[in-house]
């Protein structure tokens, strides 16, 4: 949700995806697209 809100605020179209193994988001702007997977940030000791 925070990523979707931020990208939408930049003018991007964001479509959440679902499916076995499929990335979380399809992001588009001005005819260009990318796929994005959202995961938790690195831990306090620098690891994932």
ModelCIF file with pLDDT and N, C-alpha, C, O atoms, coordinates in Angstrom:
data_MODEL
#
_entry.id   MODEL 
#
_entity.id                         1 
_entity.type                       polymer 
_entity.pdbx_number_of_molecules   1 
#
_entity_poly.entity_id                      1 
_entity_poly.type                           'polypeptide(L)' 
_entity_poly.nstd_linkage                   no 
_entity_poly.nstd_monomer                   no 
_entity_poly.pdbx_seq_one_letter_code       
;(UNK)(UNK)(UNK)(UNK)(UNK)(UNK)(UNK)(UNK)(UNK)(UNK)(UNK)(UNK)(UNK)(UNK)(UNK)(UNK)
(UNK)(UNK)(UNK)(UNK)(UNK)(UNK)(UNK)(UNK)(UNK)(UNK)(UNK)(UNK)(UNK)(UNK)(UNK)(UNK)
(UNK)(UNK)(UNK)(UNK)(UNK)(UNK)(UNK)(UNK)(UNK)(UNK)(UNK)(UNK)(UNK)(UNK)(UNK)(UNK)
;
_entity_poly.pdbx_seq_one_letter_code_can   XXXXXXXXXXXXXXXXXXXXXXXXXXXXXXXXXXXXXXXXXXXXXXXX 
_entity_poly.pdbx_strand_id                 A 
#
loop_
_entity_poly_seq.entity_id 
_entity_poly_seq.num 
_entity_poly_seq.mon_id 
_entity_poly_seq.hetero 
1 1  UNK n 
1 2  UNK n 
1 3  UNK n 
1 4  UNK n 
1 5  UNK n 
1 6  UNK n 
1 7  UNK n 
1 8  UNK n 
1 9  UNK n 
1 10 UNK n 
1 11 UNK n 
1 12 UNK n 
1 13 UNK n 
1 14 UNK n 
1 15 UNK n 
1 16 UNK n 
1 17 UNK n 
1 18 UNK n 
1 19 UNK n 
1 20 UNK n 
1 21 UNK n 
1 22 UNK n 
1 23 UNK n 
1 24 UNK n 
1 25 UNK n 
1 26 UNK n 
1 27 UNK n 
1 28 UNK n 
1 29 UNK n 
1 30 UNK n 
1 31 UNK n 
1 32 UNK n 
1 33 UNK n 
1 34 UNK n 
1 35 UNK n 
1 36 UNK n 
1 37 UNK n 
1 38 UNK n 
1 39 UNK n 
1 40 UNK n 
1 41 UNK n 
1 42 UNK n 
1 43 UNK n 
1 44 UNK n 
1 45 UNK n 
1 46 UNK n 
1 47 UNK n 
1 48 UNK n 
#
_struct_asym.id          A 
_struct_asym.entity_id   1 
#
loop_
_ma_qa_metric.id 
_ma_qa_metric.mode 
_ma_qa_metric.name 
_ma_qa_metric.software_group_id 
_ma_qa_metric.type 
1 global pLDDT . pLDDT 
2 local  pLDDT . pLDDT 
#
_ma_qa_metric_global.metric_id      1 
_ma_qa_metric_global.metric_value   87.40 
_ma_qa_metric_global.model_id       1 
_ma_qa_metric_global.ordinal_id     1 
#
loop_
_ma_qa_metric_local.label_asym_id 
_ma_qa_metric_local.label_comp_id 
_ma_qa_metric_local.label_seq_id 
_ma_qa_metric_local.metric_id 
_ma_qa_metric_local.metric_value 
_ma_qa_metric_local.model_id 
_ma_qa_metric_local.ordinal_id 
A UNK 1  2 92.00 1 1  
A UNK 2  2 92.00 1 2  
A UNK 3  2 94.00 1 3  
A UNK 4  2 95.00 1 4  
A UNK 5  2 93.00 1 5  
A UNK 6  2 92.00 1 6  
A UNK 7  2 94.00 1 7  
A UNK 8  2 93.00 1 8  
A UNK 9  2 90.00 1 9  
A UNK 10 2 90.00 1 10 
A UNK 11 2 91.00 1 11 
A UNK 12 2 94.00 1 12 
A UNK 13 2 95.00 1 13 
A UNK 14 2 97.00 1 14 
A UNK 15 2 97.00 1 15 
A UNK 16 2 96.00 1 16 
A UNK 17 2 95.00 1 17 
A UNK 18 2 87.00 1 18 
A UNK 19 2 87.00 1 19 
A UNK 20 2 89.00 1 20 
A UNK 21 2 91.00 1 21 
A UNK 22 2 94.00 1 22 
A UNK 23 2 95.00 1 23 
A UNK 24 2 95.00 1 24 
A UNK 25 2 97.00 1 25 
A UNK 26 2 96.00 1 26 
A UNK 27 2 96.00 1 27 
A UNK 28 2 95.00 1 28 
A UNK 29 2 91.00 1 29 
A UNK 30 2 87.00 1 30 
A UNK 31 2 90.00 1 31 
A UNK 32 2 92.00 1 32 
A UNK 33 2 95.00 1 33 
A UNK 34 2 95.00 1 34 
A UNK 35 2 96.00 1 35 
A UNK 36 2 95.00 1 36 
A UNK 37 2 93.00 1 37 
A UNK 38 2 92.00 1 38 
A UNK 39 2 87.00 1 39 
A UNK 40 2 81.00 1 40 
A UNK 41 2 76.00 1 41 
A UNK 42 2 67.00 1 42 
A UNK 43 2 65.00 1 43 
A UNK 44 2 63.00 1 44 
A UNK 45 2 56.00 1 45 
A UNK 46 2 53.00 1 46 
A UNK 47 2 55.00 1 47 
A UNK 48 2 54.00 1 48 
#
loop_
_atom_site.group_PDB 
_atom_site.id 
_atom_site.type_symbol 
_atom_site.label_atom_id 
_atom_site.label_alt_id 
_atom_site.label_comp_id 
_atom_site.label_asym_id 
_atom_site.label_entity_id 
_atom_site.label_seq_id 
_atom_site.pdbx_PDB_ins_code 
_atom_site.Cartn_x 
_atom_site.Cartn_y 
_atom_site.Cartn_z 
_atom_site.occupancy 
_atom_site.B_iso_or_equiv 
_atom_site.pdbx_formal_charge 
_atom_site.auth_seq_id 
_atom_site.auth_comp_id 
_atom_site.auth_asym_id 
_atom_site.auth_atom_id 
_atom_site.pdbx_PDB_model_num 
ATOM 1   N N  . UNK A 1 1  ? 0.801  -1.232  0.000   1.00 92.00 ? 1  UNK A N  1 
ATOM 2   C CA . UNK A 1 1  ? 0.000  0.000   0.000   1.00 92.00 ? 1  UNK A CA 1 
ATOM 3   C C  . UNK A 1 1  ? 0.831  1.279   0.000   1.00 92.00 ? 1  UNK A C  1 
ATOM 4   O O  . UNK A 1 1  ? 0.536  2.175   -0.792  1.00 92.00 ? 1  UNK A O  1 
ATOM 5   N N  . UNK A 1 2  ? 1.868  1.416   0.856   1.00 92.00 ? 2  UNK A N  1 
ATOM 6   C CA . UNK A 1 2  ? 2.656  2.654   0.816   1.00 92.00 ? 2  UNK A CA 1 
ATOM 7   C C  . UNK A 1 2  ? 3.366  2.852   -0.520  1.00 92.00 ? 2  UNK A C  1 
ATOM 8   O O  . UNK A 1 2  ? 3.494  3.979   -0.997  1.00 92.00 ? 2  UNK A O  1 
ATOM 9   N N  . UNK A 1 3  ? 3.822  1.767   -1.118  1.00 94.00 ? 3  UNK A N  1 
ATOM 10  C CA . UNK A 1 3  ? 4.491  1.868   -2.421  1.00 94.00 ? 3  UNK A CA 1 
ATOM 11  C C  . UNK A 1 3  ? 3.485  2.278   -3.494  1.00 94.00 ? 3  UNK A C  1 
ATOM 12  O O  . UNK A 1 3  ? 3.788  3.126   -4.333  1.00 94.00 ? 3  UNK A O  1 
ATOM 13  N N  . UNK A 1 4  ? 2.305  1.692   -3.475  1.00 95.00 ? 4  UNK A N  1 
ATOM 14  C CA . UNK A 1 4  ? 1.263  2.050   -4.449  1.00 95.00 ? 4  UNK A CA 1 
ATOM 15  C C  . UNK A 1 4  ? 0.897  3.525   -4.315  1.00 95.00 ? 4  UNK A C  1 
ATOM 16  O O  . UNK A 1 4  ? 0.777  4.235   -5.313  1.00 95.00 ? 4  UNK A O  1 
ATOM 17  N N  . UNK A 1 5  ? 0.722  3.978   -3.077  1.00 93.00 ? 5  UNK A N  1 
ATOM 18  C CA . UNK A 1 5  ? 0.367  5.392   -2.858  1.00 93.00 ? 5  UNK A CA 1 
ATOM 19  C C  . UNK A 1 5  ? 1.455  6.328   -3.373  1.00 93.00 ? 5  UNK A C  1 
ATOM 20  O O  . UNK A 1 5  ? 1.160  7.339   -4.010  1.00 93.00 ? 5  UNK A O  1 
ATOM 21  N N  . UNK A 1 6  ? 2.706  5.991   -3.098  1.00 92.00 ? 6  UNK A N  1 
ATOM 22  C CA . UNK A 1 6  ? 3.814  6.854   -3.518  1.00 92.00 ? 6  UNK A CA 1 
ATOM 23  C C  . UNK A 1 6  ? 3.924  6.895   -5.036  1.00 92.00 ? 6  UNK A C  1 
ATOM 24  O O  . UNK A 1 6  ? 4.096  7.970   -5.612  1.00 92.00 ? 6  UNK A O  1 
ATOM 25  N N  . UNK A 1 7  ? 3.827  5.743   -5.693  1.00 94.00 ? 7  UNK A N  1 
ATOM 26  C CA . UNK A 1 7  ? 3.936  5.708   -7.160  1.00 94.00 ? 7  UNK A CA 1 
ATOM 27  C C  . UNK A 1 7  ? 2.752  6.415   -7.814  1.00 94.00 ? 7  UNK A C  1 
ATOM 28  O O  . UNK A 1 7  ? 2.913  7.094   -8.827  1.00 94.00 ? 7  UNK A O  1 
ATOM 29  N N  . UNK A 1 8  ? 1.574  6.256   -7.240  1.00 93.00 ? 8  UNK A N  1 
ATOM 30  C CA . UNK A 1 8  ? 0.394  6.951   -7.758  1.00 93.00 ? 8  UNK A CA 1 
ATOM 31  C C  . UNK A 1 8  ? 0.559  8.466   -7.618  1.00 93.00 ? 8  UNK A C  1 
ATOM 32  O O  . UNK A 1 8  ? 0.156  9.222   -8.502  1.00 93.00 ? 8  UNK A O  1 
ATOM 33  N N  . UNK A 1 9  ? 1.157  8.907   -6.497  1.00 90.00 ? 9  UNK A N  1 
ATOM 34  C CA . UNK A 1 9  ? 1.402  10.336  -6.287  1.00 90.00 ? 9  UNK A CA 1 
ATOM 35  C C  . UNK A 1 9  ? 2.360  10.900  -7.331  1.00 90.00 ? 9  UNK A C  1 
ATOM 36  O O  . UNK A 1 9  ? 2.334  12.097  -7.620  1.00 90.00 ? 9  UNK A O  1 
ATOM 37  N N  . UNK A 1 10 ? 3.213  10.031  -7.902  1.00 90.00 ? 10 UNK A N  1 
ATOM 38  C CA . UNK A 1 10 ? 4.137  10.458  -8.957  1.00 90.00 ? 10 UNK A CA 1 
ATOM 39  C C  . UNK A 1 10 ? 3.486  10.452  -10.335 1.00 90.00 ? 10 UNK A C  1 
ATOM 40  O O  . UNK A 1 10 ? 4.114  10.838  -11.321 1.00 90.00 ? 10 UNK A O  1 
ATOM 41  N N  . UNK A 1 11 ? 2.238  10.018  -10.408 1.00 91.00 ? 11 UNK A N  1 
ATOM 42  C CA . UNK A 1 11 ? 1.530  9.995   -11.688 1.00 91.00 ? 11 UNK A CA 1 
ATOM 43  C C  . UNK A 1 11 ? 1.514  8.645   -12.369 1.00 91.00 ? 11 UNK A C  1 
ATOM 44  O O  . UNK A 1 11 ? 1.023  8.525   -13.491 1.00 91.00 ? 11 UNK A O  1 
ATOM 45  N N  . UNK A 1 12 ? 2.044  7.623   -11.710 1.00 94.00 ? 12 UNK A N  1 
ATOM 46  C CA . UNK A 1 12 ? 2.071  6.278   -12.298 1.00 94.00 ? 12 UNK A CA 1 
ATOM 47  C C  . UNK A 1 12 ? 0.708  5.601   -12.161 1.00 94.00 ? 12 UNK A C  1 
ATOM 48  O O  . UNK A 1 12 ? -0.045 5.875   -11.227 1.00 94.00 ? 12 UNK A O  1 
ATOM 49  N N  . UNK A 1 13 ? 0.408  4.720   -13.102 1.00 95.00 ? 13 UNK A N  1 
ATOM 50  C CA . UNK A 1 13 ? -0.704 3.799   -12.951 1.00 95.00 ? 13 UNK A CA 1 
ATOM 51  C C  . UNK A 1 13 ? -0.128 2.549   -12.303 1.00 95.00 ? 13 UNK A C  1 
ATOM 52  O O  . UNK A 1 13 ? 0.931  2.068   -12.706 1.00 95.00 ? 13 UNK A O  1 
ATOM 53  N N  . UNK A 1 14 ? -0.822 2.024   -11.304 1.00 97.00 ? 14 UNK A N  1 
ATOM 54  C CA . UNK A 1 14 ? -0.324 0.859   -10.584 1.00 97.00 ? 14 UNK A CA 1 
ATOM 55  C C  . UNK A 1 14 ? -1.433 -0.179  -10.508 1.00 97.00 ? 14 UNK A C  1 
ATOM 56  O O  . UNK A 1 14 ? -2.538 0.104   -10.046 1.00 97.00 ? 14 UNK A O  1 
ATOM 57  N N  . UNK A 1 15 ? -1.121 -1.386  -10.971 1.00 97.00 ? 15 UNK A N  1 
ATOM 58  C CA . UNK A 1 15 ? -2.077 -2.487  -10.935 1.00 97.00 ? 15 UNK A CA 1 
ATOM 59  C C  . UNK A 1 15 ? -1.512 -3.620  -10.083 1.00 97.00 ? 15 UNK A C  1 
ATOM 60  O O  . UNK A 1 15 ? -0.516 -4.239  -10.459 1.00 97.00 ? 15 UNK A O  1 
ATOM 61  N N  . UNK A 1 16 ? -2.141 -3.898  -8.935  1.00 96.00 ? 16 UNK A N  1 
ATOM 62  C CA . UNK A 1 16 ? -1.711 -5.067  -8.168  1.00 96.00 ? 16 UNK A CA 1 
ATOM 63  C C  . UNK A 1 16 ? -2.009 -6.334  -8.975  1.00 96.00 ? 16 UNK A C  1 
ATOM 64  O O  . UNK A 1 16 ? -3.053 -6.441  -9.619  1.00 96.00 ? 16 UNK A O  1 
ATOM 65  N N  . UNK A 1 17 ? -1.089 -7.276  -8.931  1.00 95.00 ? 17 UNK A N  1 
ATOM 66  C CA . UNK A 1 17 ? -1.247 -8.529  -9.656  1.00 95.00 ? 17 UNK A CA 1 
ATOM 67  C C  . UNK A 1 17 ? -1.402 -9.672  -8.661  1.00 95.00 ? 17 UNK A C  1 
ATOM 68  O O  . UNK A 1 17 ? -1.022 -9.554  -7.496  1.00 95.00 ? 17 UNK A O  1 
ATOM 69  N N  . UNK A 1 18 ? -1.950 -10.749 -9.124  1.00 87.00 ? 18 UNK A N  1 
ATOM 70  C CA . UNK A 1 18 ? -2.022 -11.931 -8.276  1.00 87.00 ? 18 UNK A CA 1 
ATOM 71  C C  . UNK A 1 18 ? -1.822 -13.154 -9.156  1.00 87.00 ? 18 UNK A C  1 
ATOM 72  O O  . UNK A 1 18 ? -2.169 -13.155 -10.338 1.00 87.00 ? 18 UNK A O  1 
ATOM 73  N N  . UNK A 1 19 ? -1.277 -14.157 -8.578  1.00 87.00 ? 19 UNK A N  1 
ATOM 74  C CA . UNK A 1 19 ? -1.018 -15.385 -9.296  1.00 87.00 ? 19 UNK A CA 1 
ATOM 75  C C  . UNK A 1 19 ? 0.165  -16.077 -8.676  1.00 87.00 ? 19 UNK A C  1 
ATOM 76  O O  . UNK A 1 19 ? 0.982  -15.442 -8.010  1.00 87.00 ? 19 UNK A O  1 
ATOM 77  N N  . UNK A 1 20 ? 0.266  -17.347 -8.882  1.00 89.00 ? 20 UNK A N  1 
ATOM 78  C CA . UNK A 1 20 ? 1.327  -18.143 -8.271  1.00 89.00 ? 20 UNK A CA 1 
ATOM 79  C C  . UNK A 1 20 ? 2.687  -17.723 -8.822  1.00 89.00 ? 20 UNK A C  1 
ATOM 80  O O  . UNK A 1 20 ? 3.009  -18.004 -9.977  1.00 89.00 ? 20 UNK A O  1 
ATOM 81  N N  . UNK A 1 21 ? 3.488  -17.047 -7.985  1.00 91.00 ? 21 UNK A N  1 
ATOM 82  C CA . UNK A 1 21 ? 4.821  -16.627 -8.368  1.00 91.00 ? 21 UNK A CA 1 
ATOM 83  C C  . UNK A 1 21 ? 4.901  -15.299 -9.099  1.00 91.00 ? 21 UNK A C  1 
ATOM 84  O O  . UNK A 1 21 ? 5.999  -14.809 -9.362  1.00 91.00 ? 21 UNK A O  1 
ATOM 85  N N  . UNK A 1 22 ? 3.762  -14.706 -9.434  1.00 94.00 ? 22 UNK A N  1 
ATOM 86  C CA . UNK A 1 22 ? 3.723  -13.453 -10.204 1.00 94.00 ? 22 UNK A CA 1 
ATOM 87  C C  . UNK A 1 22 ? 4.143  -12.276 -9.312  1.00 94.00 ? 22 UNK A C  1 
ATOM 88  O O  . UNK A 1 22 ? 3.792  -12.251 -8.132  1.00 94.00 ? 22 UNK A O  1 
ATOM 89  N N  . UNK A 1 23 ? 4.893  -11.294 -9.859  1.00 95.00 ? 23 UNK A N  1 
ATOM 90  C CA . UNK A 1 23 ? 5.259  -10.111 -9.069  1.00 95.00 ? 23 UNK A CA 1 
ATOM 91  C C  . UNK A 1 23 ? 4.028  -9.378  -8.538  1.00 95.00 ? 23 UNK A C  1 
ATOM 92  O O  . UNK A 1 23 ? 2.917  -9.566  -9.034  1.00 95.00 ? 23 UNK A O  1 
ATOM 93  N N  . UNK A 1 24 ? 4.240  -8.544  -7.527  1.00 95.00 ? 24 UNK A N  1 
ATOM 94  C CA . UNK A 1 24 ? 3.139  -7.862  -6.850  1.00 95.00 ? 24 UNK A CA 1 
ATOM 95  C C  . UNK A 1 24 ? 2.476  -6.769  -7.685  1.00 95.00 ? 24 UNK A C  1 
ATOM 96  O O  . UNK A 1 24 ? 1.253  -6.630  -7.667  1.00 95.00 ? 24 UNK A O  1 
ATOM 97  N N  . UNK A 1 25 ? 3.279  -5.992  -8.417  1.00 97.00 ? 25 UNK A N  1 
ATOM 98  C CA . UNK A 1 25 ? 2.737  -4.790  -9.060  1.00 97.00 ? 25 UNK A CA 1 
ATOM 99  C C  . UNK A 1 25 ? 3.173  -4.648  -10.515 1.00 97.00 ? 25 UNK A C  1 
ATOM 100 O O  . UNK A 1 25 ? 4.306  -4.962  -10.879 1.00 97.00 ? 25 UNK A O  1 
ATOM 101 N N  . UNK A 1 26 ? 2.245  -4.168  -11.333 1.00 96.00 ? 26 UNK A N  1 
ATOM 102 C CA . UNK A 1 26 ? 2.543  -3.698  -12.685 1.00 96.00 ? 26 UNK A CA 1 
ATOM 103 C C  . UNK A 1 26 ? 2.446  -2.179  -12.608 1.00 96.00 ? 26 UNK A C  1 
ATOM 104 O O  . UNK A 1 26 ? 1.405  -1.636  -12.239 1.00 96.00 ? 26 UNK A O  1 
ATOM 105 N N  . UNK A 1 27 ? 3.528  -1.498  -12.954 1.00 96.00 ? 27 UNK A N  1 
ATOM 106 C CA . UNK A 1 27 ? 3.600  -0.041  -12.833 1.00 96.00 ? 27 UNK A CA 1 
ATOM 107 C C  . UNK A 1 27 ? 3.813  0.547   -14.216 1.00 96.00 ? 27 UNK A C  1 
ATOM 108 O O  . UNK A 1 27 ? 4.653  0.065   -14.976 1.00 96.00 ? 27 UNK A O  1 
ATOM 109 N N  . UNK A 1 28 ? 3.050  1.596   -14.549 1.00 95.00 ? 28 UNK A N  1 
ATOM 110 C CA . UNK A 1 28 ? 3.121  2.168   -15.887 1.00 95.00 ? 28 UNK A CA 1 
ATOM 111 C C  . UNK A 1 28 ? 3.100  3.694   -15.841 1.00 95.00 ? 28 UNK A C  1 
ATOM 112 O O  . UNK A 1 28 ? 2.474  4.301   -14.973 1.00 95.00 ? 28 UNK A O  1 
ATOM 113 N N  . UNK A 1 29 ? 3.801  4.294   -16.800 1.00 91.00 ? 29 UNK A N  1 
ATOM 114 C CA . UNK A 1 29 ? 3.774  5.746   -16.978 1.00 91.00 ? 29 UNK A CA 1 
ATOM 115 C C  . UNK A 1 29 ? 4.186  6.054   -18.410 1.00 91.00 ? 29 UNK A C  1 
ATOM 116 O O  . UNK A 1 29 ? 5.223  5.582   -18.874 1.00 91.00 ? 29 UNK A O  1 
ATOM 117 N N  . UNK A 1 30 ? 3.392  6.831   -19.099 1.00 87.00 ? 30 UNK A N  1 
ATOM 118 C CA . UNK A 1 30 ? 3.705  7.277   -20.461 1.00 87.00 ? 30 UNK A CA 1 
ATOM 119 C C  . UNK A 1 30 ? 4.089  6.131   -21.403 1.00 87.00 ? 30 UNK A C  1 
ATOM 120 O O  . UNK A 1 30 ? 5.050  6.248   -22.163 1.00 87.00 ? 30 UNK A O  1 
ATOM 121 N N  . UNK A 1 31 ? 3.352  5.045   -21.354 1.00 90.00 ? 31 UNK A N  1 
ATOM 122 C CA . UNK A 1 31 ? 3.586  3.938   -22.265 1.00 90.00 ? 31 UNK A CA 1 
ATOM 123 C C  . UNK A 1 31 ? 4.720  3.001   -21.879 1.00 90.00 ? 31 UNK A C  1 
ATOM 124 O O  . UNK A 1 31 ? 5.014  2.058   -22.614 1.00 90.00 ? 31 UNK A O  1 
ATOM 125 N N  . UNK A 1 32 ? 5.351  3.238   -20.762 1.00 92.00 ? 32 UNK A N  1 
ATOM 126 C CA . UNK A 1 32 ? 6.425  2.360   -20.289 1.00 92.00 ? 32 UNK A CA 1 
ATOM 127 C C  . UNK A 1 32 ? 5.922  1.602   -19.063 1.00 92.00 ? 32 UNK A C  1 
ATOM 128 O O  . UNK A 1 32 ? 5.155  2.139   -18.264 1.00 92.00 ? 32 UNK A O  1 
ATOM 129 N N  . UNK A 1 33 ? 6.359  0.354   -18.923 1.00 95.00 ? 33 UNK A N  1 
ATOM 130 C CA . UNK A 1 33 ? 5.884  -0.469  -17.810 1.00 95.00 ? 33 UNK A CA 1 
ATOM 131 C C  . UNK A 1 33 ? 7.043  -1.186  -17.142 1.00 95.00 ? 33 UNK A C  1 
ATOM 132 O O  . UNK A 1 33 ? 8.095  -1.407  -17.743 1.00 95.00 ? 33 UNK A O  1 
ATOM 133 N N  . UNK A 1 34 ? 6.825  -1.544  -15.884 1.00 95.00 ? 34 UNK A N  1 
ATOM 134 C CA . UNK A 1 34 ? 7.772  -2.384  -15.168 1.00 95.00 ? 34 UNK A CA 1 
ATOM 135 C C  . UNK A 1 34 ? 7.013  -3.249  -14.182 1.00 95.00 ? 34 UNK A C  1 
ATOM 136 O O  . UNK A 1 34 ? 5.893  -2.932  -13.783 1.00 95.00 ? 34 UNK A O  1 
ATOM 137 N N  . UNK A 1 35 ? 7.647  -4.350  -13.796 1.00 96.00 ? 35 UNK A N  1 
ATOM 138 C CA . UNK A 1 35 ? 7.102  -5.254  -12.793 1.00 96.00 ? 35 UNK A CA 1 
ATOM 139 C C  . UNK A 1 35 ? 7.870  -5.061  -11.497 1.00 96.00 ? 35 UNK A C  1 
ATOM 140 O O  . UNK A 1 35 ? 9.091  -4.904  -11.504 1.00 96.00 ? 35 UNK A O  1 
ATOM 141 N N  . UNK A 1 36 ? 7.145  -5.075  -10.385 1.00 95.00 ? 36 UNK A N  1 
ATOM 142 C CA . UNK A 1 36 ? 7.771  -4.809  -9.099  1.00 95.00 ? 36 UNK A CA 1 
ATOM 143 C C  . UNK A 1 36 ? 7.289  -5.834  -8.066  1.00 95.00 ? 36 UNK A C  1 
ATOM 144 O O  . UNK A 1 36 ? 6.094  -6.107  -7.950  1.00 95.00 ? 36 UNK A O  1 
ATOM 145 N N  . UNK A 1 37 ? 8.233  -6.384  -7.331  1.00 93.00 ? 37 UNK A N  1 
ATOM 146 C CA . UNK A 1 37 ? 7.933  -7.276  -6.214  1.00 93.00 ? 37 UNK A CA 1 
ATOM 147 C C  . UNK A 1 37 ? 8.249  -6.504  -4.934  1.00 93.00 ? 37 UNK A C  1 
ATOM 148 O O  . UNK A 1 37 ? 9.322  -5.913  -4.821  1.00 93.00 ? 37 UNK A O  1 
ATOM 149 N N  . UNK A 1 38 ? 7.332  -6.503  -3.975  1.00 92.00 ? 38 UNK A N  1 
ATOM 150 C CA . UNK A 1 38 ? 7.506  -5.778  -2.721  1.00 92.00 ? 38 UNK A CA 1 
ATOM 151 C C  . UNK A 1 38 ? 7.837  -6.768  -1.609  1.00 92.00 ? 38 UNK A C  1 
ATOM 152 O O  . UNK A 1 38 ? 7.100  -7.725  -1.375  1.00 92.00 ? 38 UNK A O  1 
ATOM 153 N N  . UNK A 1 39 ? 8.949  -6.527  -0.932  1.00 87.00 ? 39 UNK A N  1 
ATOM 154 C CA . UNK A 1 39 ? 9.366  -7.369  0.193   1.00 87.00 ? 39 UNK A CA 1 
ATOM 155 C C  . UNK A 1 39 ? 9.725  -6.479  1.375   1.00 87.00 ? 39 UNK A C  1 
ATOM 156 O O  . UNK A 1 39 ? 9.918  -5.272  1.224   1.00 87.00 ? 39 UNK A O  1 
ATOM 157 N N  . UNK A 1 40 ? 9.813  -7.085  2.543   1.00 81.00 ? 40 UNK A N  1 
ATOM 158 C CA . UNK A 1 40 ? 10.174 -6.353  3.752   1.00 81.00 ? 40 UNK A CA 1 
ATOM 159 C C  . UNK A 1 40 ? 11.601 -5.814  3.637   1.00 81.00 ? 40 UNK A C  1 
ATOM 160 O O  . UNK A 1 40 ? 12.435 -6.423  2.968   1.00 81.00 ? 40 UNK A O  1 
ATOM 161 N N  . UNK A 1 41 ? 11.891 -4.680  4.281   1.00 76.00 ? 41 UNK A N  1 
ATOM 162 C CA . UNK A 1 41 ? 13.236 -4.097  4.219   1.00 76.00 ? 41 UNK A CA 1 
ATOM 163 C C  . UNK A 1 41 ? 14.265 -4.919  4.993   1.00 76.00 ? 41 UNK A C  1 
ATOM 164 O O  . UNK A 1 41 ? 13.936 -5.865  5.709   1.00 76.00 ? 41 UNK A O  1 
ATOM 165 N N  . UNK A 1 42 ? 15.518 -4.519  4.819   1.00 67.00 ? 42 UNK A N  1 
ATOM 166 C CA . UNK A 1 42 ? 16.624 -5.187  5.510   1.00 67.00 ? 42 UNK A CA 1 
ATOM 167 C C  . UNK A 1 42 ? 16.452 -5.082  7.014   1.00 67.00 ? 42 UNK A C  1 
ATOM 168 O O  . UNK A 1 42 ? 15.894 -4.110  7.523   1.00 67.00 ? 42 UNK A O  1 
ATOM 169 N N  . UNK A 1 43 ? 16.931 -6.079  7.709   1.00 65.00 ? 43 UNK A N  1 
ATOM 170 C CA . UNK A 1 43 ? 16.827 -6.105  9.163   1.00 65.00 ? 43 UNK A CA 1 
ATOM 171 C C  . UNK A 1 43 ? 17.815 -5.160  9.830   1.00 65.00 ? 43 UNK A C  1 
ATOM 172 O O  . UNK A 1 43 ? 18.647 -4.561  9.149   1.00 65.00 ? 43 UNK A O  1 
ATOM 173 N N  . UNK A 1 44 ? 17.740 -5.016  11.148  1.00 63.00 ? 44 UNK A N  1 
ATOM 174 C CA . UNK A 1 44 ? 18.570 -4.061  11.889  1.00 63.00 ? 44 UNK A CA 1 
ATOM 175 C C  . UNK A 1 44 ? 20.067 -4.336  11.800  1.00 63.00 ? 44 UNK A C  1 
ATOM 176 O O  . UNK A 1 44 ? 20.868 -3.423  12.001  1.00 63.00 ? 44 UNK A O  1 
ATOM 177 N N  . UNK A 1 45 ? 20.461 -5.567  11.505  1.00 56.00 ? 45 UNK A N  1 
ATOM 178 C CA . UNK A 1 45 ? 21.875 -5.890  11.408  1.00 56.00 ? 45 UNK A CA 1 
ATOM 179 C C  . UNK A 1 45 ? 22.367 -5.880  9.965   1.00 56.00 ? 45 UNK A C  1 
ATOM 180 O O  . UNK A 1 45 ? 23.478 -6.323  9.673   1.00 56.00 ? 45 UNK A O  1 
ATOM 181 N N  . UNK A 1 46 ? 21.528 -5.369  9.068   1.00 53.00 ? 46 UNK A N  1 
ATOM 182 C CA . UNK A 1 46 ? 21.928 -5.254  7.675   1.00 53.00 ? 46 UNK A CA 1 
ATOM 183 C C  . UNK A 1 46 ? 21.508 -6.415  6.800   1.00 53.00 ? 46 UNK A C  1 
ATOM 184 O O  . UNK A 1 46 ? 21.608 -6.334  5.576   1.00 53.00 ? 46 UNK A O  1 
ATOM 185 N N  . UNK A 1 47 ? 21.045 -7.480  7.396   1.00 55.00 ? 47 UNK A N  1 
ATOM 186 C CA . UNK A 1 47 ? 20.597 -8.626  6.603   1.00 55.00 ? 47 UNK A CA 1 
ATOM 187 C C  . UNK A 1 47 ? 19.172 -8.430  6.122   1.00 55.00 ? 47 UNK A C  1 
ATOM 188 O O  . UNK A 1 47 ? 18.477 -7.508  6.549   1.00 55.00 ? 47 UNK A O  1 
ATOM 189 N N  . UNK A 1 48 ? 18.757 -9.292  5.247   1.00 54.00 ? 48 UNK A N  1 
ATOM 190 C CA . UNK A 1 48 ? 17.383 -9.205  4.758   1.00 54.00 ? 48 UNK A CA 1 
ATOM 191 C C  . UNK A 1 48 ? 16.462 -9.847  5.783   1.00 54.00 ? 48 UNK A C  1 
ATOM 192 O O  . UNK A 1 48 ? 15.248 -9.890  5.581   1.00 54.00 ? 48 UNK A O  1 
#
